Each structure stands twice: as structure tokens, then as C-alpha cells.
Amino acid sequence: MKRLLILLPCFLLSACVYHQHTKDHRKGTEISSQQLASVEVGKTSKQWVLTNFGIPERTQVEKDGLEVFEYVNEHTKSSNKSFIFLFDIDSDQTVDRKVTRLVMRDEVVVGINTKD
């Protein structure tokens, strides 16, 4: 019985030994499939894209006159685990990443590509 009384506080205090904290992070521009469906290849202008989707995360201008807008949406989780306040373990994990590419020539959309 004495052993049980001695071990009981140890078990209760062991809950303070480990602590985990997790955060969700979202960055970039999320473009829904409904928004993408409103883009008409060969008709939609560069200005319309900028007005409705915002400034892209990346732009690229090719030598042949093609201009590529890339909208990147990324969802990550970061986790911090602490053990008895002696040391921490941090980890980041990408949960979801979507890249939407709009290719333009002469300021008109000529192609759309999405990649998960």
C-alpha cells in the first residue's frame, strides 16, 4: 500500500513532463475551381487575372513572349514538443500544396495548369 501512495504522485506529476503544441499555417493565394472556371482561355486578360486573383507569388517571362503567373497555396502544420522543459523538438509538415499556373501571350490567357 505504501508503494501505491508513493507512485500515485509520480503518475500525477508525469502529466507535466510532456507538452505538445501544434499550429496550422496557410500562405499564398487560394484559387478555387469555381474561380478557375471563370477564366476563358484565349479571352481572359492579364488585367482581369490581376484584379480577381491578385498579385501572383511568382512571375516568369519567357524569351518567346510567354508570361507565366504562379499562384502557390500551401498548408503546413508546425509542431513543438517539450519534455520536462529540458529540450524541445520542432517539426514542420506540408499538409497540402497547390500551384496554379496561368500562361499568357500578349496579355491574354492561353493556358491554365494546376498541380497538387
N, C-alpha and C. Protein backbone atom coordinates (compact mmCIF):
# COMPACT_ATOMS: atom_id res chain seq x y z
N MET A 1 0.81 -1.20 0.00
CA MET A 1 0.00 0.00 0.00
C MET A 1 0.86 1.27 0.00
N LYS A 2 1.99 1.20 0.75
CA LYS A 2 2.89 2.35 0.78
C LYS A 2 3.45 2.64 -0.60
N ARG A 3 3.75 1.59 -1.34
CA ARG A 3 4.29 1.78 -2.70
C ARG A 3 3.28 2.50 -3.58
N LEU A 4 2.04 2.13 -3.45
CA LEU A 4 0.99 2.77 -4.24
C LEU A 4 0.89 4.25 -3.90
N LEU A 5 0.97 4.60 -2.64
CA LEU A 5 0.91 6.00 -2.23
C LEU A 5 2.12 6.79 -2.72
N ILE A 6 3.24 6.14 -2.83
CA ILE A 6 4.44 6.81 -3.34
C ILE A 6 4.36 6.97 -4.85
N LEU A 7 3.86 5.98 -5.54
CA LEU A 7 3.79 6.03 -7.01
C LEU A 7 2.67 6.93 -7.52
N LEU A 8 1.62 7.09 -6.77
CA LEU A 8 0.50 7.91 -7.22
C LEU A 8 0.92 9.35 -7.53
N PRO A 9 1.63 10.05 -6.68
CA PRO A 9 2.07 11.41 -7.05
C PRO A 9 3.00 11.42 -8.27
N CYS A 10 3.79 10.38 -8.42
CA CYS A 10 4.67 10.31 -9.60
C CYS A 10 3.86 10.23 -10.88
N PHE A 11 2.82 9.44 -10.88
CA PHE A 11 1.96 9.34 -12.05
C PHE A 11 1.24 10.66 -12.32
N LEU A 12 0.77 11.30 -11.27
CA LEU A 12 0.08 12.57 -11.45
C LEU A 12 1.02 13.65 -11.98
N LEU A 13 2.23 13.68 -11.50
CA LEU A 13 3.20 14.67 -11.96
C LEU A 13 3.74 14.37 -13.35
N SER A 14 3.64 13.15 -13.78
CA SER A 14 4.16 12.78 -15.11
C SER A 14 3.41 13.48 -16.23
N ALA A 15 2.20 13.94 -15.95
CA ALA A 15 1.44 14.68 -16.97
C ALA A 15 2.13 15.99 -17.31
N CYS A 16 2.92 16.51 -16.41
CA CYS A 16 3.63 17.77 -16.64
C CYS A 16 4.94 17.57 -17.41
N VAL A 17 5.30 16.35 -17.65
CA VAL A 17 6.57 16.04 -18.28
C VAL A 17 6.55 16.34 -19.77
N TYR A 18 5.45 16.11 -20.43
CA TYR A 18 5.36 16.21 -21.88
C TYR A 18 4.30 17.25 -22.27
N HIS A 19 4.65 18.10 -23.22
CA HIS A 19 3.71 19.10 -23.72
C HIS A 19 3.89 19.21 -25.24
N GLN A 20 2.77 19.22 -25.96
CA GLN A 20 2.83 19.36 -27.43
C GLN A 20 1.92 20.50 -27.85
N HIS A 21 2.43 21.32 -28.78
CA HIS A 21 1.66 22.44 -29.32
C HIS A 21 1.74 22.38 -30.85
N THR A 22 0.58 22.43 -31.51
CA THR A 22 0.53 22.34 -32.97
C THR A 22 -0.18 23.57 -33.52
N LYS A 23 0.36 24.12 -34.62
CA LYS A 23 -0.24 25.28 -35.30
C LYS A 23 -0.42 24.97 -36.77
N ASP A 24 -1.53 25.45 -37.32
CA ASP A 24 -1.78 25.39 -38.76
C ASP A 24 -1.35 26.71 -39.38
N HIS A 25 -0.66 26.63 -40.52
CA HIS A 25 -0.24 27.83 -41.25
C HIS A 25 -0.75 27.70 -42.69
N ARG A 26 -1.32 28.77 -43.17
CA ARG A 26 -1.72 28.83 -44.58
C ARG A 26 -1.08 30.07 -45.17
N LYS A 27 -0.47 29.89 -46.34
CA LYS A 27 0.11 31.05 -47.01
C LYS A 27 -0.12 30.94 -48.50
N GLY A 28 -0.11 32.08 -49.13
CA GLY A 28 -0.31 32.12 -50.58
C GLY A 28 -1.75 32.44 -50.94
N THR A 29 -2.04 32.30 -52.21
CA THR A 29 -3.35 32.63 -52.76
C THR A 29 -4.10 31.34 -53.08
N GLU A 30 -5.27 31.20 -52.49
CA GLU A 30 -6.09 30.02 -52.78
C GLU A 30 -7.05 30.37 -53.91
N ILE A 31 -6.96 29.63 -55.00
CA ILE A 31 -7.84 29.84 -56.14
C ILE A 31 -8.73 28.61 -56.25
N SER A 32 -10.03 28.83 -56.08
CA SER A 32 -10.98 27.71 -56.12
C SER A 32 -11.23 27.25 -57.56
N SER A 33 -11.81 26.08 -57.68
CA SER A 33 -12.12 25.56 -59.01
C SER A 33 -13.20 26.42 -59.68
N GLN A 34 -14.09 27.02 -58.89
CA GLN A 34 -15.11 27.91 -59.45
C GLN A 34 -14.47 29.17 -60.02
N GLN A 35 -13.49 29.71 -59.30
CA GLN A 35 -12.78 30.89 -59.80
C GLN A 35 -12.03 30.56 -61.08
N LEU A 36 -11.39 29.40 -61.09
CA LEU A 36 -10.62 28.99 -62.26
C LEU A 36 -11.52 28.75 -63.46
N ALA A 37 -12.74 28.27 -63.21
CA ALA A 37 -13.69 28.02 -64.30
C ALA A 37 -14.12 29.32 -64.97
N SER A 38 -13.99 30.44 -64.29
CA SER A 38 -14.39 31.72 -64.89
C SER A 38 -13.33 32.27 -65.84
N VAL A 39 -12.16 31.65 -65.89
CA VAL A 39 -11.11 32.08 -66.82
C VAL A 39 -11.34 31.41 -68.17
N GLU A 40 -11.44 32.21 -69.22
CA GLU A 40 -11.64 31.68 -70.57
C GLU A 40 -10.35 31.79 -71.35
N VAL A 41 -9.81 30.64 -71.72
CA VAL A 41 -8.57 30.61 -72.49
C VAL A 41 -8.81 31.32 -73.82
N GLY A 42 -7.89 32.21 -74.15
CA GLY A 42 -7.99 32.97 -75.40
C GLY A 42 -8.79 34.26 -75.27
N LYS A 43 -9.47 34.47 -74.13
CA LYS A 43 -10.29 35.67 -73.95
C LYS A 43 -9.95 36.48 -72.70
N THR A 44 -9.62 35.80 -71.62
CA THR A 44 -9.41 36.49 -70.35
C THR A 44 -8.09 37.27 -70.38
N SER A 45 -8.17 38.53 -69.92
CA SER A 45 -6.99 39.41 -69.98
C SER A 45 -6.14 39.29 -68.72
N LYS A 46 -4.91 39.73 -68.86
CA LYS A 46 -3.97 39.76 -67.74
C LYS A 46 -4.52 40.67 -66.63
N GLN A 47 -5.09 41.79 -67.00
CA GLN A 47 -5.65 42.73 -66.01
C GLN A 47 -6.78 42.08 -65.22
N TRP A 48 -7.62 41.30 -65.89
CA TRP A 48 -8.71 40.60 -65.20
C TRP A 48 -8.14 39.62 -64.18
N VAL A 49 -7.10 38.89 -64.56
CA VAL A 49 -6.46 37.93 -63.65
C VAL A 49 -5.92 38.66 -62.43
N LEU A 50 -5.21 39.77 -62.63
CA LEU A 50 -4.64 40.53 -61.51
C LEU A 50 -5.73 41.10 -60.61
N THR A 51 -6.81 41.56 -61.20
CA THR A 51 -7.91 42.13 -60.41
C THR A 51 -8.61 41.06 -59.58
N ASN A 52 -8.83 39.88 -60.15
CA ASN A 52 -9.61 38.84 -59.48
C ASN A 52 -8.79 37.88 -58.63
N PHE A 53 -7.55 37.64 -58.98
CA PHE A 53 -6.71 36.68 -58.23
C PHE A 53 -5.63 37.36 -57.42
N GLY A 54 -5.33 38.61 -57.72
CA GLY A 54 -4.28 39.33 -57.00
C GLY A 54 -2.91 39.11 -57.63
N ILE A 55 -1.91 39.64 -56.97
CA ILE A 55 -0.54 39.54 -57.46
C ILE A 55 -0.04 38.11 -57.23
N PRO A 56 0.52 37.47 -58.25
CA PRO A 56 0.99 36.09 -58.09
C PRO A 56 2.23 36.00 -57.21
N GLU A 57 2.44 34.82 -56.64
CA GLU A 57 3.63 34.60 -55.82
C GLU A 57 4.90 34.60 -56.68
N ARG A 58 4.77 34.12 -57.92
CA ARG A 58 5.92 34.09 -58.84
C ARG A 58 5.46 34.50 -60.23
N THR A 59 6.33 35.22 -60.92
CA THR A 59 6.08 35.52 -62.33
C THR A 59 7.33 35.16 -63.11
N GLN A 60 7.10 34.81 -64.35
CA GLN A 60 8.22 34.41 -65.21
C GLN A 60 7.91 34.89 -66.62
N VAL A 61 8.88 35.51 -67.25
CA VAL A 61 8.73 35.96 -68.63
C VAL A 61 9.70 35.17 -69.48
N GLU A 62 9.17 34.47 -70.46
CA GLU A 62 9.98 33.64 -71.36
C GLU A 62 10.49 34.49 -72.52
N LYS A 63 11.53 33.99 -73.18
CA LYS A 63 12.10 34.69 -74.33
C LYS A 63 11.12 34.80 -75.50
N ASP A 64 10.24 33.81 -75.63
CA ASP A 64 9.30 33.80 -76.76
C ASP A 64 8.06 34.65 -76.49
N GLY A 65 8.07 35.44 -75.39
CA GLY A 65 6.95 36.33 -75.12
C GLY A 65 5.90 35.78 -74.18
N LEU A 66 6.03 34.53 -73.78
CA LEU A 66 5.07 33.98 -72.82
C LEU A 66 5.34 34.55 -71.43
N GLU A 67 4.27 34.84 -70.72
CA GLU A 67 4.37 35.30 -69.34
C GLU A 67 3.60 34.30 -68.48
N VAL A 68 4.22 33.86 -67.39
CA VAL A 68 3.63 32.84 -66.54
C VAL A 68 3.41 33.42 -65.15
N PHE A 69 2.17 33.33 -64.67
CA PHE A 69 1.83 33.69 -63.30
C PHE A 69 1.66 32.40 -62.52
N GLU A 70 2.30 32.31 -61.37
CA GLU A 70 2.13 31.15 -60.49
C GLU A 70 1.54 31.59 -59.16
N TYR A 71 0.41 31.00 -58.84
CA TYR A 71 -0.25 31.23 -57.55
C TYR A 71 -0.04 29.96 -56.73
N VAL A 72 0.66 30.10 -55.61
CA VAL A 72 1.00 28.95 -54.77
C VAL A 72 0.23 29.06 -53.46
N ASN A 73 -0.49 28.00 -53.12
CA ASN A 73 -1.21 27.93 -51.85
C ASN A 73 -0.65 26.76 -51.07
N GLU A 74 -0.21 27.02 -49.85
CA GLU A 74 0.43 25.97 -49.07
C GLU A 74 -0.16 25.92 -47.66
N HIS A 75 -0.45 24.73 -47.21
CA HIS A 75 -0.96 24.49 -45.86
C HIS A 75 0.07 23.64 -45.13
N THR A 76 0.63 24.17 -44.04
CA THR A 76 1.62 23.43 -43.26
C THR A 76 1.18 23.37 -41.80
N LYS A 77 1.70 22.37 -41.11
CA LYS A 77 1.49 22.24 -39.68
C LYS A 77 2.85 22.24 -39.00
N SER A 78 2.97 23.07 -37.99
CA SER A 78 4.21 23.06 -37.22
C SER A 78 3.88 22.55 -35.83
N SER A 79 4.78 21.75 -35.31
CA SER A 79 4.57 21.11 -34.03
C SER A 79 5.78 21.35 -33.14
N ASN A 80 5.50 21.62 -31.87
CA ASN A 80 6.56 21.80 -30.89
C ASN A 80 6.28 20.86 -29.72
N LYS A 81 7.25 20.01 -29.42
CA LYS A 81 7.11 19.05 -28.32
C LYS A 81 8.16 19.38 -27.27
N SER A 82 7.73 19.52 -26.02
CA SER A 82 8.64 19.83 -24.92
C SER A 82 8.64 18.67 -23.93
N PHE A 83 9.82 18.32 -23.48
CA PHE A 83 9.98 17.25 -22.50
C PHE A 83 10.63 17.82 -21.24
N ILE A 84 9.90 17.87 -20.16
CA ILE A 84 10.37 18.32 -18.84
C ILE A 84 11.12 19.65 -18.95
N PHE A 85 10.80 20.44 -19.93
CA PHE A 85 11.44 21.73 -20.15
C PHE A 85 12.96 21.61 -20.34
N LEU A 86 13.43 20.43 -20.64
CA LEU A 86 14.86 20.23 -20.86
C LEU A 86 15.23 20.42 -22.33
N PHE A 87 14.37 19.93 -23.23
CA PHE A 87 14.64 20.11 -24.65
C PHE A 87 13.34 20.14 -25.42
N ASP A 88 13.41 20.74 -26.61
CA ASP A 88 12.26 20.88 -27.50
C ASP A 88 12.56 20.19 -28.82
N ILE A 89 11.50 19.70 -29.44
CA ILE A 89 11.60 19.16 -30.79
C ILE A 89 10.59 19.91 -31.64
N ASP A 90 11.08 20.59 -32.67
CA ASP A 90 10.22 21.31 -33.60
C ASP A 90 10.15 20.55 -34.91
N SER A 91 8.95 20.50 -35.49
CA SER A 91 8.82 19.85 -36.80
C SER A 91 7.78 20.60 -37.63
N ASP A 92 8.04 20.68 -38.91
CA ASP A 92 7.11 21.28 -39.87
C ASP A 92 6.74 20.23 -40.90
N GLN A 93 5.46 20.18 -41.25
CA GLN A 93 4.98 19.20 -42.22
C GLN A 93 4.05 19.91 -43.20
N THR A 94 4.33 19.74 -44.49
CA THR A 94 3.44 20.29 -45.51
C THR A 94 2.27 19.35 -45.68
N VAL A 95 1.08 19.86 -45.41
CA VAL A 95 -0.14 19.06 -45.49
C VAL A 95 -0.69 19.07 -46.91
N ASP A 96 -0.68 20.25 -47.51
CA ASP A 96 -1.27 20.41 -48.84
C ASP A 96 -0.56 21.55 -49.56
N ARG A 97 -0.31 21.37 -50.84
CA ARG A 97 0.32 22.41 -51.65
C ARG A 97 -0.31 22.36 -53.04
N LYS A 98 -0.77 23.51 -53.50
CA LYS A 98 -1.40 23.60 -54.82
C LYS A 98 -0.79 24.77 -55.57
N VAL A 99 -0.37 24.51 -56.79
CA VAL A 99 0.21 25.54 -57.65
C VAL A 99 -0.69 25.71 -58.87
N THR A 100 -1.15 26.93 -59.09
CA THR A 100 -1.97 27.25 -60.26
C THR A 100 -1.14 28.14 -61.18
N ARG A 101 -0.95 27.69 -62.42
CA ARG A 101 -0.15 28.44 -63.40
C ARG A 101 -1.07 28.97 -64.49
N LEU A 102 -0.95 30.26 -64.75
CA LEU A 102 -1.68 30.87 -65.86
C LEU A 102 -0.64 31.38 -66.85
N VAL A 103 -0.72 30.87 -68.05
CA VAL A 103 0.23 31.23 -69.11
C VAL A 103 -0.44 32.24 -70.03
N MET A 104 0.28 33.36 -70.31
CA MET A 104 -0.29 34.42 -71.13
C MET A 104 0.64 34.79 -72.28
N ARG A 105 0.02 35.16 -73.36
CA ARG A 105 0.74 35.71 -74.51
C ARG A 105 -0.03 36.96 -74.92
N ASP A 106 0.70 38.05 -75.12
CA ASP A 106 0.09 39.33 -75.49
C ASP A 106 -1.00 39.73 -74.50
N GLU A 107 -0.76 39.47 -73.19
CA GLU A 107 -1.64 39.83 -72.09
C GLU A 107 -3.02 39.17 -72.15
N VAL A 108 -3.07 37.98 -72.77
CA VAL A 108 -4.29 37.17 -72.79
C VAL A 108 -3.93 35.76 -72.36
N VAL A 109 -4.77 35.16 -71.50
CA VAL A 109 -4.52 33.81 -71.00
C VAL A 109 -4.60 32.81 -72.16
N VAL A 110 -3.52 32.01 -72.33
CA VAL A 110 -3.50 30.99 -73.37
C VAL A 110 -3.42 29.58 -72.79
N GLY A 111 -3.25 29.47 -71.47
CA GLY A 111 -3.17 28.15 -70.85
C GLY A 111 -3.31 28.21 -69.34
N ILE A 112 -3.88 27.15 -68.79
CA ILE A 112 -4.05 27.02 -67.34
C ILE A 112 -3.55 25.64 -66.93
N ASN A 113 -2.82 25.60 -65.81
CA ASN A 113 -2.32 24.33 -65.30
C ASN A 113 -2.37 24.36 -63.79
N THR A 114 -2.90 23.32 -63.18
CA THR A 114 -2.88 23.21 -61.71
C THR A 114 -2.14 21.95 -61.33
N LYS A 115 -1.41 22.04 -60.23
CA LYS A 115 -0.62 20.91 -59.75
C LYS A 115 -0.77 20.83 -58.24
N ASP A 116 -1.12 19.64 -57.76
CA ASP A 116 -1.24 19.42 -56.32
C ASP A 116 0.00 18.79 -55.77
